[in-house]
Amino acid sequence: MTSSPVPAPEEGFVILWAGENEMLHEALVEQLAQAGIPFGDRPIGEESTADILPVELKARFGFQVAVPSSKEAAGKVILERLLDQNIEQLAELPAADDGDIAATQTPSSSDGAATLRVWAGGDAHMAKFVEDSLRENEITVRAEKSGEVTAILVPPTSEARAREIIQEVTQGTPPK
């Protein structure tokens, strides 16, 4: 294990989480450090010996986070909280300064055209769910795909209501 913010105790480490989600990885190691839980963190695929005859399928890239066995329960609480937040789906791109996706607002916005970006993400299922939710609430919506990222656009006049719906859909919390 390569990084440990707290001196490692003299006990065995157990793998708390392994996967490819970089956002979840970053949030997990940050919260483990904040909680004072020692951890080991390494990229998957750094092993010194290659398994030429693998018995089980393993990820060839990603991350692996381990904690001392005595801290496994506390680490699982942190991990479960992050998984409950659906952290990979909460990632939204900034509302402006993104050259990959067409303009956030265009001069024709006064005619009710969907030109204002209110959500963007790489999860195609979540993008479809957000799009459908906005349509169910009678909001004009347009989806634009750029590579793996889908942007959801609405008319500027519907921005406030659209953001409330998106908050409820992505975070599972009604607006205040």
N, C-alpha and C. Protein backbone atom coordinates (compact mmCIF):
# COMPACT_ATOMS: atom_id res chain seq x y z
N MET A 1 0.85 -1.16 0.00
CA MET A 1 0.00 0.00 0.00
C MET A 1 0.90 1.23 0.00
N THR A 2 0.57 2.24 -0.78
CA THR A 2 1.51 3.32 -1.00
C THR A 2 1.29 4.55 -0.15
N SER A 3 0.08 4.90 0.24
CA SER A 3 -0.08 6.13 1.00
C SER A 3 -0.90 5.88 2.25
N SER A 4 -0.44 6.45 3.33
CA SER A 4 -1.14 6.30 4.60
C SER A 4 -0.95 7.59 5.37
N PRO A 5 -2.03 8.35 5.59
CA PRO A 5 -1.89 9.62 6.28
C PRO A 5 -1.60 9.46 7.76
N VAL A 6 -1.89 8.30 8.33
CA VAL A 6 -1.68 8.02 9.73
C VAL A 6 -0.74 6.81 9.80
N PRO A 7 0.21 6.79 10.74
CA PRO A 7 1.11 5.64 10.80
C PRO A 7 0.32 4.33 10.87
N ALA A 8 0.74 3.37 10.08
CA ALA A 8 0.04 2.09 10.01
C ALA A 8 0.25 1.29 11.29
N PRO A 9 -0.82 0.74 11.84
CA PRO A 9 -0.69 -0.09 13.03
C PRO A 9 -0.05 -1.44 12.68
N GLU A 10 0.29 -2.20 13.70
CA GLU A 10 0.93 -3.49 13.50
C GLU A 10 -0.11 -4.60 13.33
N GLU A 11 -1.10 -4.40 12.52
CA GLU A 11 -2.12 -5.41 12.28
C GLU A 11 -2.35 -5.53 10.79
N GLY A 12 -3.11 -6.54 10.39
CA GLY A 12 -3.37 -6.78 8.99
C GLY A 12 -4.37 -5.81 8.40
N PHE A 13 -4.20 -5.55 7.13
CA PHE A 13 -5.12 -4.70 6.39
C PHE A 13 -6.10 -5.57 5.62
N VAL A 14 -7.31 -5.09 5.46
CA VAL A 14 -8.31 -5.77 4.65
C VAL A 14 -8.76 -4.79 3.56
N ILE A 15 -9.11 -5.33 2.40
CA ILE A 15 -9.57 -4.48 1.32
C ILE A 15 -10.97 -3.99 1.65
N LEU A 16 -11.11 -2.67 1.71
CA LEU A 16 -12.40 -2.05 1.99
C LEU A 16 -13.17 -1.86 0.68
N TRP A 17 -12.48 -1.43 -0.37
CA TRP A 17 -13.13 -1.14 -1.64
C TRP A 17 -12.10 -1.27 -2.76
N ALA A 18 -12.56 -1.75 -3.90
CA ALA A 18 -11.75 -1.78 -5.12
C ALA A 18 -12.69 -1.49 -6.27
N GLY A 19 -12.26 -0.63 -7.16
CA GLY A 19 -13.11 -0.30 -8.30
C GLY A 19 -12.47 0.73 -9.21
N GLU A 20 -13.24 1.16 -10.21
CA GLU A 20 -12.73 2.06 -11.24
C GLU A 20 -13.25 3.48 -11.10
N ASN A 21 -14.17 3.73 -10.17
CA ASN A 21 -14.78 5.05 -10.05
C ASN A 21 -13.83 6.01 -9.34
N GLU A 22 -13.24 6.91 -10.11
CA GLU A 22 -12.25 7.83 -9.56
C GLU A 22 -12.86 8.80 -8.55
N MET A 23 -14.08 9.26 -8.80
CA MET A 23 -14.72 10.18 -7.87
C MET A 23 -14.99 9.51 -6.53
N LEU A 24 -15.48 8.28 -6.56
CA LEU A 24 -15.73 7.55 -5.33
C LEU A 24 -14.42 7.29 -4.61
N HIS A 25 -13.40 6.93 -5.34
CA HIS A 25 -12.08 6.69 -4.76
C HIS A 25 -11.58 7.93 -4.01
N GLU A 26 -11.62 9.07 -4.68
CA GLU A 26 -11.14 10.32 -4.07
C GLU A 26 -11.94 10.67 -2.82
N ALA A 27 -13.26 10.56 -2.90
CA ALA A 27 -14.10 10.88 -1.75
C ALA A 27 -13.84 9.92 -0.60
N LEU A 28 -13.64 8.63 -0.89
CA LEU A 28 -13.41 7.64 0.15
C LEU A 28 -12.10 7.91 0.88
N VAL A 29 -11.00 8.10 0.16
CA VAL A 29 -9.73 8.32 0.85
C VAL A 29 -9.74 9.65 1.61
N GLU A 30 -10.43 10.64 1.08
CA GLU A 30 -10.54 11.93 1.78
C GLU A 30 -11.29 11.76 3.10
N GLN A 31 -12.41 11.04 3.07
CA GLN A 31 -13.20 10.87 4.29
C GLN A 31 -12.53 9.93 5.29
N LEU A 32 -11.81 8.93 4.81
CA LEU A 32 -11.05 8.08 5.72
C LEU A 32 -9.99 8.90 6.44
N ALA A 33 -9.30 9.77 5.69
CA ALA A 33 -8.27 10.63 6.31
C ALA A 33 -8.89 11.57 7.33
N GLN A 34 -10.05 12.17 6.98
CA GLN A 34 -10.72 13.08 7.91
C GLN A 34 -11.15 12.36 9.19
N ALA A 35 -11.52 11.09 9.06
CA ALA A 35 -11.96 10.32 10.22
C ALA A 35 -10.78 9.75 11.01
N GLY A 36 -9.57 9.95 10.51
CA GLY A 36 -8.39 9.45 11.20
C GLY A 36 -8.20 7.95 11.06
N ILE A 37 -8.78 7.37 10.04
CA ILE A 37 -8.65 5.93 9.81
C ILE A 37 -7.46 5.70 8.89
N PRO A 38 -6.46 4.95 9.36
CA PRO A 38 -5.32 4.66 8.48
C PRO A 38 -5.80 3.86 7.27
N PHE A 39 -5.18 4.09 6.13
CA PHE A 39 -5.57 3.35 4.94
C PHE A 39 -4.39 3.18 4.01
N GLY A 40 -4.48 2.17 3.20
CA GLY A 40 -3.53 1.96 2.12
C GLY A 40 -4.29 2.19 0.82
N ASP A 41 -3.63 2.78 -0.14
CA ASP A 41 -4.29 3.16 -1.39
C ASP A 41 -3.31 2.89 -2.52
N ARG A 42 -3.75 2.10 -3.50
CA ARG A 42 -2.87 1.87 -4.64
C ARG A 42 -3.69 1.63 -5.89
N PRO A 43 -3.12 1.97 -7.02
CA PRO A 43 -3.79 1.67 -8.28
C PRO A 43 -3.79 0.16 -8.51
N ILE A 44 -4.86 -0.36 -9.06
CA ILE A 44 -4.92 -1.78 -9.41
C ILE A 44 -4.04 -1.97 -10.64
N GLY A 45 -3.32 -3.05 -10.68
CA GLY A 45 -2.44 -3.34 -11.80
C GLY A 45 -1.00 -3.01 -11.49
N GLU A 46 -0.71 -2.56 -10.26
CA GLU A 46 0.66 -2.24 -9.86
C GLU A 46 1.40 -3.44 -9.30
N GLU A 47 0.76 -4.60 -9.25
CA GLU A 47 1.40 -5.76 -8.67
C GLU A 47 2.71 -6.06 -9.39
N SER A 48 3.68 -6.52 -8.63
CA SER A 48 4.99 -6.77 -9.22
C SER A 48 5.00 -8.03 -10.07
N THR A 49 4.13 -8.99 -9.77
CA THR A 49 4.09 -10.20 -10.57
C THR A 49 2.77 -10.28 -11.31
N ALA A 50 2.83 -10.59 -12.55
CA ALA A 50 1.62 -10.72 -13.35
C ALA A 50 1.06 -12.13 -13.21
N ASP A 51 -0.23 -12.24 -13.07
CA ASP A 51 -0.89 -13.53 -12.98
C ASP A 51 -1.22 -13.98 -14.40
N ILE A 52 -0.38 -14.87 -14.95
CA ILE A 52 -0.57 -15.27 -16.34
C ILE A 52 -1.72 -16.26 -16.52
N LEU A 53 -2.10 -16.93 -15.45
CA LEU A 53 -3.22 -17.86 -15.49
C LEU A 53 -4.22 -17.48 -14.39
N PRO A 54 -4.95 -16.38 -14.58
CA PRO A 54 -5.84 -15.94 -13.52
C PRO A 54 -6.99 -16.93 -13.29
N VAL A 55 -7.22 -17.25 -12.02
CA VAL A 55 -8.29 -18.17 -11.66
C VAL A 55 -9.62 -17.42 -11.63
N GLU A 56 -9.58 -16.16 -11.25
CA GLU A 56 -10.80 -15.35 -11.20
C GLU A 56 -10.60 -14.08 -12.01
N LEU A 57 -11.72 -13.53 -12.47
CA LEU A 57 -11.65 -12.28 -13.22
C LEU A 57 -11.38 -11.13 -12.26
N LYS A 58 -10.44 -10.29 -12.61
CA LYS A 58 -10.10 -9.12 -11.79
C LYS A 58 -10.04 -7.90 -12.69
N ALA A 59 -10.29 -6.76 -12.08
CA ALA A 59 -10.13 -5.51 -12.81
C ALA A 59 -8.65 -5.33 -13.14
N ARG A 60 -8.36 -4.85 -14.31
CA ARG A 60 -6.97 -4.63 -14.71
C ARG A 60 -6.52 -3.20 -14.43
N PHE A 61 -7.46 -2.32 -14.10
CA PHE A 61 -7.13 -0.96 -13.74
C PHE A 61 -8.16 -0.47 -12.73
N GLY A 62 -7.85 0.63 -12.09
CA GLY A 62 -8.75 1.17 -11.07
C GLY A 62 -7.98 1.42 -9.78
N PHE A 63 -8.67 1.30 -8.66
CA PHE A 63 -8.09 1.62 -7.37
C PHE A 63 -8.45 0.57 -6.35
N GLN A 64 -7.62 0.48 -5.32
CA GLN A 64 -7.87 -0.45 -4.23
C GLN A 64 -7.53 0.29 -2.94
N VAL A 65 -8.48 0.28 -1.99
CA VAL A 65 -8.29 0.94 -0.71
C VAL A 65 -8.45 -0.10 0.39
N ALA A 66 -7.46 -0.16 1.28
CA ALA A 66 -7.49 -1.12 2.38
C ALA A 66 -7.37 -0.36 3.70
N VAL A 67 -7.94 -0.94 4.74
CA VAL A 67 -7.90 -0.36 6.09
C VAL A 67 -7.48 -1.46 7.07
N PRO A 68 -6.99 -1.09 8.25
CA PRO A 68 -6.68 -2.10 9.27
C PRO A 68 -7.95 -2.88 9.61
N SER A 69 -7.80 -4.15 9.89
CA SER A 69 -8.98 -4.98 10.17
C SER A 69 -9.79 -4.44 11.34
N SER A 70 -9.16 -3.79 12.31
CA SER A 70 -9.89 -3.25 13.45
C SER A 70 -10.72 -2.02 13.07
N LYS A 71 -10.43 -1.41 11.94
CA LYS A 71 -11.15 -0.21 11.49
C LYS A 71 -12.09 -0.51 10.32
N GLU A 72 -12.23 -1.80 9.98
CA GLU A 72 -13.05 -2.17 8.83
C GLU A 72 -14.50 -1.71 8.99
N ALA A 73 -15.08 -1.89 10.16
CA ALA A 73 -16.49 -1.51 10.38
C ALA A 73 -16.67 -0.01 10.18
N ALA A 74 -15.77 0.79 10.73
CA ALA A 74 -15.86 2.25 10.58
C ALA A 74 -15.67 2.65 9.13
N GLY A 75 -14.76 1.98 8.43
CA GLY A 75 -14.54 2.25 7.02
C GLY A 75 -15.76 1.90 6.18
N LYS A 76 -16.42 0.79 6.54
CA LYS A 76 -17.63 0.39 5.80
C LYS A 76 -18.75 1.39 5.98
N VAL A 77 -18.84 2.01 7.15
CA VAL A 77 -19.86 3.03 7.38
C VAL A 77 -19.64 4.20 6.43
N ILE A 78 -18.39 4.64 6.31
CA ILE A 78 -18.05 5.75 5.41
C ILE A 78 -18.34 5.35 3.97
N LEU A 79 -17.93 4.15 3.58
CA LEU A 79 -18.14 3.68 2.21
C LEU A 79 -19.63 3.60 1.90
N GLU A 80 -20.42 3.03 2.79
CA GLU A 80 -21.87 2.91 2.57
C GLU A 80 -22.52 4.28 2.42
N ARG A 81 -22.09 5.24 3.23
CA ARG A 81 -22.64 6.60 3.13
C ARG A 81 -22.34 7.19 1.75
N LEU A 82 -21.13 6.98 1.26
CA LEU A 82 -20.78 7.49 -0.07
C LEU A 82 -21.57 6.78 -1.16
N LEU A 83 -21.75 5.48 -1.03
CA LEU A 83 -22.51 4.73 -2.03
C LEU A 83 -23.98 5.14 -2.01
N ASP A 84 -24.50 5.43 -0.82
CA ASP A 84 -25.89 5.89 -0.72
C ASP A 84 -26.08 7.24 -1.40
N GLN A 85 -25.03 8.04 -1.43
CA GLN A 85 -25.11 9.36 -2.07
C GLN A 85 -25.04 9.24 -3.58
N ASN A 86 -24.78 8.06 -4.10
CA ASN A 86 -24.61 7.87 -5.55
C ASN A 86 -23.63 8.90 -6.09
N ILE A 87 -22.47 8.96 -5.49
CA ILE A 87 -21.50 10.01 -5.80
C ILE A 87 -21.16 10.09 -7.28
N GLU A 88 -21.14 8.96 -7.98
CA GLU A 88 -20.81 9.02 -9.41
C GLU A 88 -21.89 9.72 -10.21
N GLN A 89 -23.14 9.73 -9.70
CA GLN A 89 -24.23 10.38 -10.43
C GLN A 89 -24.39 11.84 -10.03
N LEU A 90 -23.78 12.25 -8.93
CA LEU A 90 -23.93 13.62 -8.48
C LEU A 90 -22.99 14.56 -9.22
N ALA A 91 -22.09 14.01 -9.99
CA ALA A 91 -21.12 14.84 -10.69
C ALA A 91 -21.81 15.62 -11.79
N GLU A 92 -21.76 16.91 -11.66
CA GLU A 92 -22.29 17.77 -12.71
C GLU A 92 -21.14 18.61 -13.24
N LEU A 93 -21.15 18.85 -14.50
CA LEU A 93 -20.15 19.72 -15.08
C LEU A 93 -20.50 21.16 -14.75
N PRO A 94 -19.52 22.05 -14.72
CA PRO A 94 -19.82 23.45 -14.46
C PRO A 94 -20.81 24.00 -15.48
N ALA A 95 -21.60 24.99 -15.08
CA ALA A 95 -22.63 25.55 -15.95
C ALA A 95 -22.04 26.35 -17.10
N ALA A 96 -20.80 26.75 -17.02
CA ALA A 96 -20.19 27.54 -18.09
C ALA A 96 -18.75 27.10 -18.28
N ASP A 97 -18.07 27.73 -19.24
CA ASP A 97 -16.67 27.49 -19.51
C ASP A 97 -16.38 26.05 -19.95
N ASP A 98 -17.28 25.42 -20.68
CA ASP A 98 -17.04 24.08 -21.18
C ASP A 98 -17.16 24.12 -22.70
N GLY A 99 -16.03 24.04 -23.38
CA GLY A 99 -16.06 24.14 -24.83
C GLY A 99 -16.53 22.88 -25.53
N ASP A 100 -16.61 21.72 -24.80
CA ASP A 100 -17.01 20.47 -25.42
C ASP A 100 -18.49 20.41 -25.74
N ILE A 101 -19.31 21.12 -24.97
CA ILE A 101 -20.75 21.04 -25.16
C ILE A 101 -21.22 22.40 -25.65
N ALA A 102 -22.13 22.38 -26.61
CA ALA A 102 -22.60 23.61 -27.24
C ALA A 102 -23.06 24.63 -26.21
N ALA A 103 -23.13 25.86 -26.62
CA ALA A 103 -23.41 27.02 -25.78
C ALA A 103 -24.47 26.79 -24.72
N THR A 104 -24.25 27.40 -23.55
CA THR A 104 -25.21 27.25 -22.47
C THR A 104 -26.42 28.14 -22.69
N GLN A 105 -26.24 29.23 -23.41
CA GLN A 105 -27.37 30.10 -23.72
C GLN A 105 -27.10 30.79 -25.05
N THR A 106 -28.11 30.85 -25.88
CA THR A 106 -27.93 31.45 -27.19
C THR A 106 -28.89 32.62 -27.34
N PRO A 107 -28.67 33.50 -28.32
CA PRO A 107 -29.55 34.65 -28.49
C PRO A 107 -31.01 34.30 -28.72
N SER A 108 -31.31 33.10 -29.23
CA SER A 108 -32.69 32.72 -29.51
C SER A 108 -33.43 32.24 -28.27
N SER A 109 -32.84 32.42 -27.07
CA SER A 109 -33.42 31.88 -25.85
C SER A 109 -34.76 32.52 -25.49
N SER A 110 -35.09 33.65 -26.02
CA SER A 110 -36.35 34.31 -25.67
C SER A 110 -37.56 33.63 -26.30
N ASP A 111 -37.35 32.73 -27.27
CA ASP A 111 -38.48 32.07 -27.92
C ASP A 111 -38.89 30.75 -27.25
N GLY A 112 -38.36 30.44 -26.08
CA GLY A 112 -38.74 29.23 -25.37
C GLY A 112 -37.95 28.01 -25.79
N ALA A 113 -36.89 28.20 -26.57
CA ALA A 113 -36.06 27.07 -26.99
C ALA A 113 -35.20 26.60 -25.83
N ALA A 114 -34.92 25.30 -25.80
CA ALA A 114 -34.09 24.71 -24.75
C ALA A 114 -32.63 25.03 -25.05
N THR A 115 -32.09 26.06 -24.42
CA THR A 115 -30.74 26.52 -24.70
C THR A 115 -29.86 26.65 -23.46
N LEU A 116 -30.43 26.49 -22.27
CA LEU A 116 -29.68 26.67 -21.03
C LEU A 116 -29.37 25.32 -20.42
N ARG A 117 -28.08 25.03 -20.24
CA ARG A 117 -27.68 23.74 -19.66
C ARG A 117 -27.92 23.75 -18.16
N VAL A 118 -28.68 22.75 -17.69
CA VAL A 118 -28.97 22.65 -16.26
C VAL A 118 -28.38 21.39 -15.64
N TRP A 119 -27.92 20.46 -16.45
CA TRP A 119 -27.33 19.22 -15.94
C TRP A 119 -26.45 18.62 -17.01
N ALA A 120 -25.38 17.95 -16.58
CA ALA A 120 -24.53 17.20 -17.50
C ALA A 120 -23.87 16.08 -16.73
N GLY A 121 -23.70 14.96 -17.38
CA GLY A 121 -23.04 13.83 -16.72
C GLY A 121 -22.77 12.71 -17.70
N GLY A 122 -22.00 11.73 -17.23
CA GLY A 122 -21.60 10.62 -18.07
C GLY A 122 -22.47 9.39 -17.95
N ASP A 123 -23.46 9.39 -17.05
CA ASP A 123 -24.33 8.24 -16.87
C ASP A 123 -25.55 8.38 -17.79
N ALA A 124 -25.59 7.58 -18.84
CA ALA A 124 -26.65 7.68 -19.84
C ALA A 124 -28.03 7.39 -19.25
N HIS A 125 -28.10 6.45 -18.30
CA HIS A 125 -29.39 6.12 -17.68
C HIS A 125 -29.90 7.29 -16.85
N MET A 126 -29.01 7.93 -16.10
CA MET A 126 -29.41 9.09 -15.29
C MET A 126 -29.82 10.24 -16.19
N ALA A 127 -29.10 10.44 -17.29
CA ALA A 127 -29.45 11.52 -18.22
C ALA A 127 -30.86 11.31 -18.77
N LYS A 128 -31.17 10.08 -19.14
CA LYS A 128 -32.51 9.77 -19.66
C LYS A 128 -33.56 9.98 -18.58
N PHE A 129 -33.25 9.60 -17.35
CA PHE A 129 -34.19 9.77 -16.25
C PHE A 129 -34.44 11.25 -15.98
N VAL A 130 -33.39 12.06 -15.98
CA VAL A 130 -33.53 13.51 -15.79
C VAL A 130 -34.37 14.10 -16.92
N GLU A 131 -34.06 13.72 -18.14
CA GLU A 131 -34.79 14.21 -19.30
C GLU A 131 -36.28 13.85 -19.20
N ASP A 132 -36.58 12.61 -18.88
CA ASP A 132 -37.97 12.17 -18.75
C ASP A 132 -38.69 12.89 -17.61
N SER A 133 -37.99 13.09 -16.51
CA SER A 133 -38.59 13.79 -15.36
C SER A 133 -38.96 15.22 -15.71
N LEU A 134 -38.11 15.89 -16.45
CA LEU A 134 -38.41 17.26 -16.86
C LEU A 134 -39.60 17.29 -17.82
N ARG A 135 -39.63 16.34 -18.75
CA ARG A 135 -40.76 16.28 -19.68
C ARG A 135 -42.07 16.01 -18.96
N GLU A 136 -42.04 15.12 -17.96
CA GLU A 136 -43.26 14.83 -17.19
C GLU A 136 -43.80 16.08 -16.51
N ASN A 137 -42.91 17.01 -16.21
CA ASN A 137 -43.31 18.27 -15.58
C ASN A 137 -43.53 19.37 -16.61
N GLU A 138 -43.72 18.96 -17.85
CA GLU A 138 -44.05 19.85 -18.95
C GLU A 138 -43.00 20.94 -19.18
N ILE A 139 -41.75 20.55 -19.06
CA ILE A 139 -40.64 21.46 -19.34
C ILE A 139 -40.02 21.02 -20.67
N THR A 140 -39.87 21.96 -21.58
CA THR A 140 -39.22 21.66 -22.85
C THR A 140 -37.78 21.30 -22.55
N VAL A 141 -37.33 20.21 -23.12
CA VAL A 141 -35.98 19.73 -22.81
C VAL A 141 -35.30 19.24 -24.09
N ARG A 142 -33.98 19.41 -24.10
CA ARG A 142 -33.17 18.93 -25.23
C ARG A 142 -31.91 18.31 -24.65
N ALA A 143 -31.52 17.17 -25.15
CA ALA A 143 -30.30 16.51 -24.71
C ALA A 143 -29.26 16.60 -25.82
N GLU A 144 -28.04 16.93 -25.44
CA GLU A 144 -26.91 16.97 -26.38
C GLU A 144 -25.84 16.05 -25.86
N LYS A 145 -25.30 15.22 -26.73
CA LYS A 145 -24.27 14.28 -26.34
C LYS A 145 -22.95 14.70 -26.97
N SER A 146 -21.91 14.74 -26.13
CA SER A 146 -20.57 15.05 -26.60
C SER A 146 -19.63 14.01 -26.00
N GLY A 147 -19.26 13.03 -26.81
CA GLY A 147 -18.45 11.93 -26.30
C GLY A 147 -19.30 11.11 -25.33
N GLU A 148 -18.82 10.94 -24.12
CA GLU A 148 -19.54 10.17 -23.10
C GLU A 148 -20.44 11.06 -22.25
N VAL A 149 -20.39 12.36 -22.44
CA VAL A 149 -21.13 13.30 -21.60
C VAL A 149 -22.43 13.73 -22.30
N THR A 150 -23.52 13.68 -21.55
CA THR A 150 -24.81 14.15 -22.05
C THR A 150 -25.18 15.41 -21.28
N ALA A 151 -25.54 16.45 -21.99
CA ALA A 151 -25.98 17.71 -21.37
C ALA A 151 -27.49 17.83 -21.56
N ILE A 152 -28.17 18.29 -20.52
CA ILE A 152 -29.61 18.51 -20.58
C ILE A 152 -29.83 20.01 -20.61
N LEU A 153 -30.56 20.49 -21.61
CA LEU A 153 -30.84 21.90 -21.78
C LEU A 153 -32.33 22.17 -21.68
N VAL A 154 -32.68 23.32 -21.11
CA VAL A 154 -34.08 23.75 -20.97
C VAL A 154 -34.17 25.21 -21.36
N PRO A 155 -35.38 25.73 -21.57
CA PRO A 155 -35.52 27.17 -21.82
C PRO A 155 -35.10 27.95 -20.56
N PRO A 156 -34.47 29.10 -20.73
CA PRO A 156 -34.06 29.89 -19.57
C PRO A 156 -35.23 30.21 -18.63
N THR A 157 -36.41 30.32 -19.15
CA THR A 157 -37.57 30.64 -18.29
C THR A 157 -37.95 29.47 -17.39
N SER A 158 -37.47 28.27 -17.69
CA SER A 158 -37.78 27.09 -16.88
C SER A 158 -36.63 26.68 -15.97
N GLU A 159 -35.59 27.49 -15.90
CA GLU A 159 -34.38 27.10 -15.17
C GLU A 159 -34.64 26.75 -13.71
N ALA A 160 -35.32 27.62 -12.97
CA ALA A 160 -35.51 27.39 -11.54
C ALA A 160 -36.25 26.08 -11.28
N ARG A 161 -37.34 25.85 -11.96
CA ARG A 161 -38.13 24.63 -11.76
C ARG A 161 -37.33 23.40 -12.20
N ALA A 162 -36.60 23.51 -13.29
CA ALA A 162 -35.80 22.39 -13.78
C ALA A 162 -34.74 22.00 -12.76
N ARG A 163 -34.06 22.98 -12.17
CA ARG A 163 -33.02 22.68 -11.18
C ARG A 163 -33.62 22.04 -9.93
N GLU A 164 -34.82 22.45 -9.54
CA GLU A 164 -35.50 21.81 -8.39
C GLU A 164 -35.77 20.34 -8.69
N ILE A 165 -36.29 20.06 -9.88
CA ILE A 165 -36.59 18.68 -10.27
C ILE A 165 -35.31 17.86 -10.33
N ILE A 166 -34.26 18.42 -10.90
CA ILE A 166 -32.99 17.71 -11.00
C ILE A 166 -32.43 17.41 -9.62
N GLN A 167 -32.53 18.35 -8.71
CA GLN A 167 -32.06 18.11 -7.34
C GLN A 167 -32.81 16.94 -6.71
N GLU A 168 -34.10 16.92 -6.91
CA GLU A 168 -34.91 15.85 -6.34
C GLU A 168 -34.56 14.50 -6.97
N VAL A 169 -34.34 14.49 -8.28
CA VAL A 169 -34.05 13.25 -8.99
C VAL A 169 -32.64 12.73 -8.65
N THR A 170 -31.65 13.59 -8.69
CA THR A 170 -30.26 13.13 -8.53
C THR A 170 -29.87 12.94 -7.07
N GLN A 171 -30.41 13.74 -6.18
CA GLN A 171 -30.00 13.66 -4.78
C GLN A 171 -31.05 13.01 -3.90
N GLY A 172 -32.23 12.80 -4.44
CA GLY A 172 -33.29 12.18 -3.66
C GLY A 172 -33.85 13.06 -2.57
N THR A 173 -33.62 14.37 -2.70
CA THR A 173 -34.13 15.30 -1.69
C THR A 173 -35.00 16.35 -2.35
N PRO A 174 -36.15 16.62 -1.79
CA PRO A 174 -37.00 17.68 -2.35
C PRO A 174 -36.37 19.04 -2.12
N PRO A 175 -36.62 20.00 -3.00
CA PRO A 175 -36.06 21.35 -2.81
C PRO A 175 -36.61 21.98 -1.56
N LYS A 176 -35.85 22.90 -1.00
CA LYS A 176 -36.26 23.59 0.23
C LYS A 176 -37.10 24.79 -0.06
